[in-house]
Amino acid sequence: MTEILELFEQWGDIDRSHRKLAHRGSYLDLVWVSPATVRRVLAAHGLVLKRPRRVRSERKPFPEWADYRRNSIWIYDCTHFAGCPQHAVFAVMDLVTRKWICELVSIEETSTQVQVVFMDALEIEGLMPVIEAWQDQLPPDPLAFDAAVDEPELPPILLAVSDNGPQMTSGSTREFMAMCAIAQHFGRPGTPTDQAWIESLFSHVKAEWPHLDRIKDPEVLRAELADVRRQYNTVRLHAGIGYVTPSDEHEGRGPRIRAARKRGLRQARWARIAYHRIQHAKANRRSSSDVD
């Protein structure tokens, strides 16, 4: 018992576990006891092993200038497929409409790839003329763009959301984003749920198109990803945006489609009620005739 109490005094703040203290005792050739014995002795003497609690931080909100509309908030990340483990796949998605804008398959995973995939996305969405117009109005210090500023003097045209990967946080990426009037917003370290939108994209793509993990040729992977992106955007119904396709939502058809479904459901309900009322009335008339 004395040896267990000595273990607690010397190692309690380090091990913080009755199991570790039990093994620590035998490790130091002091005492050979079970973890249950350590816990029982400490409890009998009113001693408690204190474990440090991890402080839960709150997710940083998006700045107020970032409107919840198409081409206002983009999210990007990279992933790998089992067949081509040496190649990284970068993807850019519109966080609001869930449209998968473009992807890049590269053997490198640096800030250069981030810049290339963003240039492709900006070209696809027709934002380059907007950026060129904004560059004429840029402040003297282009690095002054900061997503933490709710009302900057010259609001950026886009908010780019990502994790804290080195290719996202590098100075080259920061300079490129600033020159394109794009502000960056980083999630909390070790908290992938802050990037749930893009993580969900990768998860669904790998689960619903499992053949991608069996492709070993990066050129074939590029072609297949382009076709999968087309299906994801134009065929697959997305639960997060009310069961329309990302292209429908991105091009403004989503609200009309959802409203049409509500009207259709309402009309179908009225039709069912009218049908059953008619059938009930017919049944009552037949019953009256049978009685007569």
C-alpha atoms as a PDB file:
ATOM      1  CA  MET A   1       0.000   0.000   0.000  1.00  0.00           C
ATOM      2  CA  THR A   2       2.821   2.401   0.859  1.00  0.00           C
ATOM      3  CA  GLU A   3       4.488   1.781  -2.504  1.00  0.00           C
ATOM      4  CA  ILE A   4       1.223   2.548  -4.312  1.00  0.00           C
ATOM      5  CA  LEU A   5       0.883   5.821  -2.434  1.00  0.00           C
ATOM      6  CA  GLU A   6       4.475   6.694  -3.276  1.00  0.00           C
ATOM      7  CA  LEU A   7       3.744   5.978  -6.943  1.00  0.00           C
ATOM      8  CA  PHE A   8       0.808   8.330  -6.772  1.00  0.00           C
ATOM      9  CA  GLU A   9       2.889  11.113  -5.225  1.00  0.00           C
ATOM     10  CA  GLN A  10       5.732  10.790  -7.720  1.00  0.00           C
ATOM     11  CA  TRP A  11       3.975   9.772 -10.935  1.00  0.00           C
ATOM     12  CA  GLY A  12       0.307  10.643 -10.509  1.00  0.00           C
ATOM     13  CA  ASP A  13       0.590  13.956 -12.378  1.00  0.00           C
ATOM     14  CA  ILE A  14       2.471  12.258 -15.226  1.00  0.00           C
ATOM     15  CA  ASP A  15       0.650   8.954 -15.706  1.00  0.00           C
ATOM     16  CA  ARG A  16      -2.848  10.146 -14.663  1.00  0.00           C
ATOM     17  CA  SER A  17      -4.217   6.595 -14.877  1.00  0.00           C
ATOM     18  CA  HIS A  18      -4.470   3.724 -12.414  1.00  0.00           C
ATOM     19  CA  ARG A  19      -3.531   1.341 -15.234  1.00  0.00           C
ATOM     20  CA  LYS A  20      -0.372   3.267 -16.020  1.00  0.00           C
ATOM     21  CA  LEU A  21       0.527   3.548 -12.339  1.00  0.00           C
ATOM     22  CA  ALA A  22       0.217  -0.217 -11.951  1.00  0.00           C
ATOM     23  CA  HIS A  23       2.577  -0.757 -14.877  1.00  0.00           C
ATOM     24  CA  ARG A  24       4.831   2.035 -13.669  1.00  0.00           C
ATOM     25  CA  GLY A  25       5.274   0.181 -10.374  1.00  0.00           C
ATOM     26  CA  SER A  26       6.542  -2.970 -12.086  1.00  0.00           C
ATOM     27  CA  TYR A  27       8.546  -0.898 -14.594  1.00  0.00           C
ATOM     28  CA  LEU A  28      10.459   0.654 -11.668  1.00  0.00           C
ATOM     29  CA  ASP A  29      10.648  -2.638  -9.727  1.00  0.00           C
ATOM     30  CA  LEU A  30       8.719  -1.059  -6.853  1.00  0.00           C
ATOM     31  CA  VAL A  31       5.469  -3.003  -6.669  1.00  0.00           C
ATOM     32  CA  TRP A  32       3.607  -5.598  -8.703  1.00  0.00           C
ATOM     33  CA  VAL A  33      -0.115  -5.054  -8.438  1.00  0.00           C
ATOM     34  CA  SER A  34      -3.123  -4.999 -10.712  1.00  0.00           C
ATOM     35  CA  PRO A  35      -4.719  -1.751 -11.935  1.00  0.00           C
ATOM     36  CA  ALA A  36      -7.806  -2.600  -9.863  1.00  0.00           C
ATOM     37  CA  THR A  37      -5.688  -2.719  -6.713  1.00  0.00           C
ATOM     38  CA  VAL A  38      -4.171   0.685  -7.480  1.00  0.00           C
ATOM     39  CA  ARG A  39      -7.619   2.171  -7.976  1.00  0.00           C
ATOM     40  CA  ARG A  40      -8.960   0.578  -4.780  1.00  0.00           C
ATOM     41  CA  VAL A  41      -6.048   1.830  -2.639  1.00  0.00           C
ATOM     42  CA  LEU A  42      -6.263   5.357  -4.042  1.00  0.00           C
ATOM     43  CA  ALA A  43     -10.034   5.427  -3.499  1.00  0.00           C
ATOM     44  CA  ALA A  44      -9.601   4.260   0.102  1.00  0.00           C
ATOM     45  CA  HIS A  45      -7.304   7.223   0.745  1.00  0.00           C
ATOM     46  CA  GLY A  46      -9.498   9.702  -1.109  1.00  0.00           C
ATOM     47  CA  LEU A  47      -6.929  10.250  -3.840  1.00  0.00           C
ATOM     48  CA  VAL A  48      -8.104  11.074  -7.369  1.00  0.00           C
ATOM     49  CA  LEU A  49      -6.071  11.011 -10.556  1.00  0.00           C
ATOM     50  CA  LYS A  50      -6.836  14.208 -12.420  1.00  0.00           C
ATOM     51  CA  ARG A  51      -6.837  14.062 -16.170  1.00  0.00           C
ATOM     52  CA  PRO A  52      -6.443  17.325 -18.058  1.00  0.00           C
ATOM     53  CA  ARG A  53      -9.546  18.295 -19.963  1.00  0.00           C
ATOM     54  CA  ARG A  54      -9.129  19.344 -23.541  1.00  0.00           C
ATOM     55  CA  VAL A  55     -10.454  22.838 -24.038  1.00  0.00           C
ATOM     56  CA  ARG A  56     -13.061  22.762 -26.777  1.00  0.00           C
ATOM     57  CA  SER A  57     -12.736  25.721 -29.051  1.00  0.00           C
ATOM     58  CA  GLU A  58     -15.586  27.207 -31.040  1.00  0.00           C
ATOM     59  CA  ARG A  59     -15.530  27.192 -34.814  1.00  0.00           C
ATOM     60  CA  LYS A  60     -14.596  30.576 -36.184  1.00  0.00           C
ATOM     61  CA  PRO A  61     -17.634  32.026 -38.009  1.00  0.00           C
ATOM     62  CA  PHE A  62     -17.430  33.238 -41.570  1.00  0.00           C
ATOM     63  CA  PRO A  63     -17.004  37.013 -41.918  1.00  0.00           C
ATOM     64  CA  GLU A  64     -20.156  39.048 -42.360  1.00  0.00           C
ATOM     65  CA  TRP A  65     -19.217  40.233 -45.844  1.00  0.00           C
ATOM     66  CA  ALA A  66     -19.267  36.626 -47.144  1.00  0.00           C
ATOM     67  CA  ASP A  67     -22.831  36.254 -48.443  1.00  0.00           C
ATOM     68  CA  TYR A  68     -24.448  32.835 -48.513  1.00  0.00           C
ATOM     69  CA  ARG A  69     -24.854  32.769 -52.290  1.00  0.00           C
ATOM     70  CA  ARG A  70     -23.155  31.138 -55.268  1.00  0.00           C
ATOM     71  CA  ASN A  71     -19.523  32.065 -55.921  1.00  0.00           C
ATOM     72  CA  SER A  72     -19.184  33.757 -52.552  1.00  0.00           C
ATOM     73  CA  ILE A  73     -17.692  30.969 -50.422  1.00  0.00           C
ATOM     74  CA  TRP A  74     -15.545  28.214 -51.895  1.00  0.00           C
ATOM     75  CA  ILE A  75     -13.953  25.323 -50.052  1.00  0.00           C
ATOM     76  CA  TYR A  76     -11.017  23.235 -51.207  1.00  0.00           C
ATOM     77  CA  ASP A  77      -8.850  20.372 -50.057  1.00  0.00           C
ATOM     78  CA  CYS A  78      -6.860  17.453 -51.413  1.00  0.00           C
ATOM     79  CA  THR A  79      -7.220  13.697 -51.068  1.00  0.00           C
ATOM     80  CA  HIS A  80      -5.623  10.490 -52.356  1.00  0.00           C
ATOM     81  CA  PHE A  81      -6.944   7.379 -54.048  1.00  0.00           C
ATOM     82  CA  ALA A  82      -5.609   3.910 -53.252  1.00  0.00           C
ATOM     83  CA  GLY A  83      -4.669   3.057 -56.839  1.00  0.00           C
ATOM     84  CA  CYS A  84      -2.504   6.187 -57.241  1.00  0.00           C
ATOM     85  CA  PRO A  85      -1.239   6.832 -53.714  1.00  0.00           C
ATOM     86  CA  GLN A  86       1.606   9.040 -54.927  1.00  0.00           C
ATOM     87  CA  HIS A  87      -0.763  11.472 -56.640  1.00  0.00           C
ATOM     88  CA  ALA A  88      -2.794  14.097 -54.815  1.00  0.00           C
ATOM     89  CA  VAL A  89      -6.249  15.132 -56.021  1.00  0.00           C
ATOM     90  CA  PHE A  90      -7.152  18.753 -55.324  1.00  0.00           C
ATOM     91  CA  ALA A  91     -10.817  19.741 -55.547  1.00  0.00           C
ATOM     92  CA  VAL A  92     -12.629  23.084 -55.348  1.00  0.00           C
ATOM     93  CA  MET A  93     -16.310  23.204 -54.427  1.00  0.00           C
ATOM     94  CA  ASP A  94     -18.847  25.974 -53.992  1.00  0.00           C
ATOM     95  CA  LEU A  95     -19.782  25.644 -50.326  1.00  0.00           C
ATOM     96  CA  VAL A  96     -23.236  27.170 -50.810  1.00  0.00           C
ATOM     97  CA  THR A  97     -24.500  25.331 -53.902  1.00  0.00           C
ATOM     98  CA  ARG A  98     -22.314  22.207 -53.405  1.00  0.00           C
ATOM     99  CA  LYS A  99     -21.144  22.391 -57.014  1.00  0.00           C
ATOM    100  CA  TRP A 100     -17.876  20.539 -57.539  1.00  0.00           C
ATOM    101  CA  ILE A 101     -16.157  23.112 -59.727  1.00  0.00           C
ATOM    102  CA  CYS A 102     -12.933  21.410 -60.760  1.00  0.00           C
ATOM    103  CA  GLU A 103     -10.132  19.102 -59.684  1.00  0.00           C
ATOM    104  CA  LEU A 104      -6.426  18.647 -60.280  1.00  0.00           C
ATOM    105  CA  VAL A 105      -4.447  15.393 -60.201  1.00  0.00           C
ATOM    106  CA  SER A 106      -0.772  16.009 -59.463  1.00  0.00           C
ATOM    107  CA  ILE A 107       2.201  14.085 -58.162  1.00  0.00           C
ATOM    108  CA  GLU A 108       3.117  17.189 -56.159  1.00  0.00           C
ATOM    109  CA  GLU A 109       1.163  18.683 -53.272  1.00  0.00           C
ATOM    110  CA  THR A 110       2.336  22.258 -52.928  1.00  0.00           C
ATOM    111  CA  SER A 111       1.068  25.821 -53.149  1.00  0.00           C
ATOM    112  CA  THR A 112       1.624  25.684 -56.909  1.00  0.00           C
ATOM    113  CA  GLN A 113      -1.141  23.108 -57.264  1.00  0.00           C
ATOM    114  CA  VAL A 114      -3.444  25.270 -55.134  1.00  0.00           C
ATOM    115  CA  GLN A 115      -2.855  28.195 -57.469  1.00  0.00           C
ATOM    116  CA  VAL A 116      -3.388  26.103 -60.614  1.00  0.00           C
ATOM    117  CA  VAL A 117      -6.659  24.551 -59.420  1.00  0.00           C
ATOM    118  CA  PHE A 118      -7.963  27.941 -58.311  1.00  0.00           C
ATOM    119  CA  MET A 119      -7.090  29.518 -61.647  1.00  0.00           C
ATOM    120  CA  ASP A 120      -9.037  26.724 -63.365  1.00  0.00           C
ATOM    121  CA  ALA A 121     -12.011  27.252 -61.046  1.00  0.00           C
ATOM    122  CA  LEU A 122     -11.999  31.012 -61.595  1.00  0.00           C
ATOM    123  CA  GLU A 123     -11.897  30.515 -65.370  1.00  0.00           C
ATOM    124  CA  ILE A 124     -14.750  27.989 -65.268  1.00  0.00           C
ATOM    125  CA  GLU A 125     -16.953  30.299 -63.213  1.00  0.00           C
ATOM    126  CA  GLY A 126     -16.107  33.333 -65.353  1.00  0.00           C
ATOM    127  CA  LEU A 127     -14.658  35.323 -62.469  1.00  0.00           C
ATOM    128  CA  MET A 128     -11.389  36.362 -64.083  1.00  0.00           C
ATOM    129  CA  PRO A 129     -12.816  39.623 -65.523  1.00  0.00           C
ATOM    130  CA  VAL A 130     -14.195  40.439 -62.082  1.00  0.00           C
ATOM    131  CA  ILE A 131     -10.790  39.826 -60.522  1.00  0.00           C
ATOM    132  CA  GLU A 132      -9.053  41.977 -63.117  1.00  0.00           C
ATOM    133  CA  ALA A 133     -11.472  44.805 -62.373  1.00  0.00           C
ATOM    134  CA  TRP A 134     -10.860  44.393 -58.637  1.00  0.00           C
ATOM    135  CA  GLN A 135      -7.088  44.350 -59.085  1.00  0.00           C
ATOM    136  CA  ASP A 136      -7.310  47.918 -60.368  1.00  0.00           C
ATOM    137  CA  GLN A 137      -8.808  48.870 -57.000  1.00  0.00           C
ATOM    138  CA  LEU A 138      -6.495  46.834 -54.763  1.00  0.00           C
ATOM    139  CA  PRO A 139      -4.981  48.681 -51.786  1.00  0.00           C
ATOM    140  CA  PRO A 140      -1.214  49.314 -51.820  1.00  0.00           C
ATOM    141  CA  ASP A 141      -0.668  46.331 -49.539  1.00  0.00           C
ATOM    142  CA  PRO A 142      -2.357  43.336 -51.245  1.00  0.00           C
ATOM    143  CA  LEU A 143      -1.684  41.196 -48.184  1.00  0.00           C
ATOM    144  CA  ALA A 144      -4.081  43.377 -46.199  1.00  0.00           C
ATOM    145  CA  PHE A 145      -6.946  41.046 -47.069  1.00  0.00           C
ATOM    146  CA  ASP A 146      -7.992  39.244 -43.933  1.00  0.00           C
ATOM    147  CA  ALA A 147     -11.091  37.101 -43.512  1.00  0.00           C
ATOM    148  CA  ALA A 148     -11.184  38.131 -39.867  1.00  0.00           C
ATOM    149  CA  VAL A 149     -12.175  41.662 -40.880  1.00  0.00           C
ATOM    150  CA  ASP A 150     -15.970  41.749 -41.020  1.00  0.00           C
ATOM    151  CA  GLU A 151     -16.237  44.986 -42.982  1.00  0.00           C
ATOM    152  CA  PRO A 152     -12.994  45.589 -44.897  1.00  0.00           C
ATOM    153  CA  GLU A 153     -12.640  48.769 -46.917  1.00  0.00           C
ATOM    154  CA  LEU A 154     -12.457  46.715 -50.105  1.00  0.00           C
ATOM    155  CA  PRO A 155     -14.212  43.364 -49.522  1.00  0.00           C
ATOM    156  CA  PRO A 156     -12.718  40.357 -51.300  1.00  0.00           C
ATOM    157  CA  ILE A 157     -14.762  38.696 -54.024  1.00  0.00           C
ATOM    158  CA  LEU A 158     -14.442  35.217 -52.526  1.00  0.00           C
ATOM    159  CA  LEU A 159     -13.837  33.438 -49.239  1.00  0.00           C
ATOM    160  CA  ALA A 160     -11.663  30.321 -49.599  1.00  0.00           C
ATOM    161  CA  VAL A 161     -12.215  27.823 -46.778  1.00  0.00           C
ATOM    162  CA  SER A 162      -9.633  25.127 -46.058  1.00  0.00           C
ATOM    163  CA  ASP A 163      -7.786  23.254 -43.363  1.00  0.00           C
ATOM    164  CA  ASN A 164      -4.331  24.186 -42.086  1.00  0.00           C
ATOM    165  CA  GLY A 165      -2.316  22.130 -44.560  1.00  0.00           C
ATOM    166  CA  PRO A 166       1.108  23.579 -45.444  1.00  0.00           C
ATOM    167  CA  GLN A 167       0.105  24.141 -49.064  1.00  0.00           C
ATOM    168  CA  MET A 168      -2.911  26.169 -47.878  1.00  0.00           C
ATOM    169  CA  THR A 169      -1.108  28.260 -45.267  1.00  0.00           C
ATOM    170  CA  SER A 170       2.091  28.937 -47.210  1.00  0.00           C
ATOM    171  CA  GLY A 171       3.140  32.475 -48.000  1.00  0.00           C
ATOM    172  CA  SER A 172       2.914  31.805 -51.742  1.00  0.00           C
ATOM    173  CA  THR A 173      -0.714  30.726 -51.444  1.00  0.00           C
ATOM    174  CA  ARG A 174      -1.507  33.724 -49.264  1.00  0.00           C
ATOM    175  CA  GLU A 175       0.032  36.113 -51.783  1.00  0.00           C
ATOM    176  CA  PHE A 176      -1.787  34.478 -54.694  1.00  0.00           C
ATOM    177  CA  MET A 177      -5.143  34.597 -52.894  1.00  0.00           C
ATOM    178  CA  ALA A 178      -4.623  38.226 -51.928  1.00  0.00           C
ATOM    179  CA  MET A 179      -3.729  39.243 -55.490  1.00  0.00           C
ATOM    180  CA  CYS A 180      -6.940  37.572 -56.679  1.00  0.00           C
ATOM    181  CA  ALA A 181      -8.980  39.373 -53.992  1.00  0.00           C
ATOM    182  CA  ILE A 182      -9.698  36.054 -52.273  1.00  0.00           C
ATOM    183  CA  ALA A 183      -9.681  35.915 -48.471  1.00  0.00           C
ATOM    184  CA  GLN A 184      -8.718  32.738 -46.637  1.00  0.00           C
ATOM    185  CA  HIS A 185     -10.573  31.101 -43.769  1.00  0.00           C
ATOM    186  CA  PHE A 186      -8.906  28.232 -41.901  1.00  0.00           C
ATOM    187  CA  GLY A 187     -10.575  25.608 -39.769  1.00  0.00           C
ATOM    188  CA  ARG A 188      -9.354  24.598 -36.353  1.00  0.00           C
ATOM    189  CA  PRO A 189      -6.303  22.300 -36.327  1.00  0.00           C
ATOM    190  CA  GLY A 190      -7.259  18.658 -35.933  1.00  0.00           C
ATOM    191  CA  THR A 191     -10.953  19.391 -36.540  1.00  0.00           C
ATOM    192  CA  PRO A 192     -11.977  18.034 -39.971  1.00  0.00           C
ATOM    193  CA  THR A 193     -15.632  18.804 -39.236  1.00  0.00           C
ATOM    194  CA  ASP A 194     -14.812  22.459 -39.859  1.00  0.00           C
ATOM    195  CA  GLN A 195     -14.380  21.400 -43.506  1.00  0.00           C
ATOM    196  CA  ALA A 196     -17.334  19.000 -43.477  1.00  0.00           C
ATOM    197  CA  TRP A 197     -18.568  20.093 -46.916  1.00  0.00           C
ATOM    198  CA  ILE A 198     -15.445  19.045 -48.826  1.00  0.00           C
ATOM    199  CA  GLU A 199     -14.870  15.992 -46.607  1.00  0.00           C
ATOM    200  CA  SER A 200     -18.415  14.888 -47.463  1.00  0.00           C
ATOM    201  CA  LEU A 201     -17.653  15.328 -51.160  1.00  0.00           C
ATOM    202  CA  PHE A 202     -14.604  13.072 -50.972  1.00  0.00           C
ATOM    203  CA  SER A 203     -16.465  10.520 -48.856  1.00  0.00           C
ATOM    204  CA  HIS A 204     -19.417  10.262 -51.261  1.00  0.00           C
ATOM    205  CA  VAL A 205     -17.199  10.138 -54.345  1.00  0.00           C
ATOM    206  CA  LYS A 206     -15.130   7.270 -52.954  1.00  0.00           C
ATOM    207  CA  ALA A 207     -18.186   5.375 -51.683  1.00  0.00           C
ATOM    208  CA  GLU A 208     -20.428   5.803 -54.739  1.00  0.00           C
ATOM    209  CA  TRP A 209     -17.705   5.413 -57.375  1.00  0.00           C
ATOM    210  CA  PRO A 210     -15.453   2.772 -55.753  1.00  0.00           C
ATOM    211  CA  HIS A 211     -13.721   1.950 -59.047  1.00  0.00           C
ATOM    212  CA  LEU A 212     -11.708   5.164 -58.634  1.00  0.00           C
ATOM    213  CA  ASP A 213      -9.649   3.499 -55.900  1.00  0.00           C
ATOM    214  CA  ARG A 214      -8.641   0.739 -58.336  1.00  0.00           C
ATOM    215  CA  ILE A 215      -7.274   3.013 -61.045  1.00  0.00           C
ATOM    216  CA  LYS A 216      -3.485   2.929 -61.198  1.00  0.00           C
ATOM    217  CA  ASP A 217      -2.901   5.242 -64.165  1.00  0.00           C
ATOM    218  CA  PRO A 218      -3.101   8.950 -63.214  1.00  0.00           C
ATOM    219  CA  GLU A 219      -4.235   9.889 -66.749  1.00  0.00           C
ATOM    220  CA  VAL A 220      -7.139   7.460 -66.483  1.00  0.00           C
ATOM    221  CA  LEU A 221      -7.902   8.822 -63.018  1.00  0.00           C
ATOM    222  CA  ARG A 222      -8.075  12.364 -64.439  1.00  0.00           C
ATOM    223  CA  ALA A 223     -10.541  11.296 -67.120  1.00  0.00           C
ATOM    224  CA  GLU A 224     -12.688   9.293 -64.705  1.00  0.00           C
ATOM    225  CA  LEU A 225     -12.793  12.115 -62.149  1.00  0.00           C
ATOM    226  CA  ALA A 226     -14.001  14.515 -64.841  1.00  0.00           C
ATOM    227  CA  ASP A 227     -16.854  12.127 -65.686  1.00  0.00           C
ATOM    228  CA  VAL A 228     -17.667  11.563 -61.996  1.00  0.00           C
ATOM    229  CA  ARG A 229     -17.748  15.332 -61.481  1.00  0.00           C
ATOM    230  CA  ARG A 230     -20.268  15.641 -64.314  1.00  0.00           C
ATOM    231  CA  GLN A 231     -22.480  12.982 -62.731  1.00  0.00           C
ATOM    232  CA  TYR A 232     -22.102  14.484 -59.261  1.00  0.00           C
ATOM    233  CA  ASN A 233     -23.108  17.936 -60.471  1.00  0.00           C
ATOM    234  CA  THR A 234     -25.868  17.085 -62.933  1.00  0.00           C
ATOM    235  CA  VAL A 235     -27.343  13.688 -61.972  1.00  0.00           C
ATOM    236  CA  ARG A 236     -26.882  13.002 -58.273  1.00  0.00           C
ATOM    237  CA  LEU A 237     -29.507  14.549 -55.993  1.00  0.00           C
ATOM    238  CA  HIS A 238     -27.877  16.249 -53.008  1.00  0.00           C
ATOM    239  CA  ALA A 239     -29.638  15.993 -49.648  1.00  0.00           C
ATOM    240  CA  GLY A 240     -27.867  19.064 -48.264  1.00  0.00           C
ATOM    241  CA  ILE A 241     -29.537  21.379 -50.785  1.00  0.00           C
ATOM    242  CA  GLY A 242     -33.040  19.928 -50.759  1.00  0.00           C
ATOM    243  CA  TYR A 243     -32.607  16.968 -53.119  1.00  0.00           C
ATOM    244  CA  VAL A 244     -31.715  18.859 -56.271  1.00  0.00           C
ATOM    245  CA  THR A 245     -28.481  18.570 -58.219  1.00  0.00           C
ATOM    246  CA  PRO A 246     -25.615  20.962 -57.450  1.00  0.00           C
ATOM    247  CA  SER A 247     -25.904  22.348 -60.990  1.00  0.00           C
ATOM    248  CA  ASP A 248     -29.600  23.084 -60.405  1.00  0.00           C
ATOM    249  CA  GLU A 249     -28.763  24.965 -57.220  1.00  0.00           C
ATOM    250  CA  HIS A 250     -25.760  26.732 -58.735  1.00  0.00           C
ATOM    251  CA  GLU A 251     -27.719  27.944 -61.747  1.00  0.00           C
ATOM    252  CA  GLY A 252     -30.696  29.117 -59.706  1.00  0.00           C
ATOM    253  CA  ARG A 253     -33.181  26.357 -60.528  1.00  0.00           C
ATOM    254  CA  GLY A 254     -33.147  24.842 -57.043  1.00  0.00           C
ATOM    255  CA  PRO A 255     -35.815  27.037 -55.384  1.00  0.00           C
ATOM    256  CA  ARG A 256     -38.189  26.519 -58.307  1.00  0.00           C
ATOM    257  CA  ILE A 257     -37.733  22.734 -58.244  1.00  0.00           C
ATOM    258  CA  ARG A 258     -38.290  22.562 -54.484  1.00  0.00           C
ATOM    259  CA  ALA A 259     -41.365  24.771 -54.746  1.00  0.00           C
ATOM    260  CA  ALA A 260     -42.752  22.600 -57.561  1.00  0.00           C
ATOM    261  CA  ARG A 261     -42.332  19.505 -55.394  1.00  0.00           C
ATOM    262  CA  LYS A 262     -44.209  21.155 -52.516  1.00  0.00           C
ATOM    263  CA  ARG A 263     -47.032  22.114 -54.872  1.00  0.00           C
ATOM    264  CA  GLY A 264     -47.101  18.606 -56.340  1.00  0.00           C
ATOM    265  CA  LEU A 265     -47.250  17.000 -52.902  1.00  0.00           C
ATOM    266  CA  ARG A 266     -50.033  19.364 -51.852  1.00  0.00           C
ATOM    267  CA  GLN A 267     -52.058  18.664 -55.007  1.00  0.00           C
ATOM    268  CA  ALA A 268     -51.500  14.918 -54.644  1.00  0.00           C
ATOM    269  CA  ARG A 269     -52.763  15.102 -51.060  1.00  0.00           C
ATOM    270  CA  TRP A 270     -55.880  16.969 -52.141  1.00  0.00           C
ATOM    271  CA  ALA A 271     -56.450  14.439 -54.928  1.00  0.00           C
ATOM    272  CA  ARG A 272     -56.158  11.525 -52.462  1.00  0.00           C
ATOM    273  CA  ILE A 273     -58.584  13.186 -50.043  1.00  0.00           C
ATOM    274  CA  ALA A 274     -61.104  13.839 -52.862  1.00  0.00           C
ATOM    275  CA  TYR A 275     -60.761  10.283 -54.145  1.00  0.00           C
ATOM    276  CA  HIS A 276     -61.355   8.716 -50.736  1.00  0.00           C
ATOM    277  CA  ARG A 277     -64.311  11.000 -50.077  1.00  0.00           C
ATOM    278  CA  ILE A 278     -65.898   9.962 -53.373  1.00  0.00           C
ATOM    279  CA  GLN A 279     -65.264   6.287 -52.646  1.00  0.00           C
ATOM    280  CA  HIS A 280     -66.715   6.672 -49.153  1.00  0.00           C
ATOM    281  CA  ALA A 281     -69.822   8.372 -50.552  1.00  0.00           C
ATOM    282  CA  LYS A 282     -70.298   5.606 -53.137  1.00  0.00           C
ATOM    283  CA  ALA A 283     -69.962   2.976 -50.418  1.00  0.00           C
ATOM    284  CA  ASN A 284     -72.615   4.749 -48.320  1.00  0.00           C
ATOM    285  CA  ARG A 285     -75.026   4.910 -51.277  1.00  0.00           C
ATOM    286  CA  ARG A 286     -74.580   1.193 -51.967  1.00  0.00           C
ATOM    287  CA  SER A 287     -75.200   0.408 -48.306  1.00  0.00           C
ATOM    288  CA  SER A 288     -78.421   2.463 -48.375  1.00  0.00           C
ATOM    289  CA  SER A 289     -79.599   0.668 -51.522  1.00  0.00           C
ATOM    290  CA  ASP A 290     -78.948  -2.732 -49.969  1.00  0.00           C
ATOM    291  CA  VAL A 291     -81.010  -1.818 -46.913  1.00  0.00           C
ATOM    292  CA  ASP A 292     -83.956  -0.683 -49.048  1.00  0.00           C
END
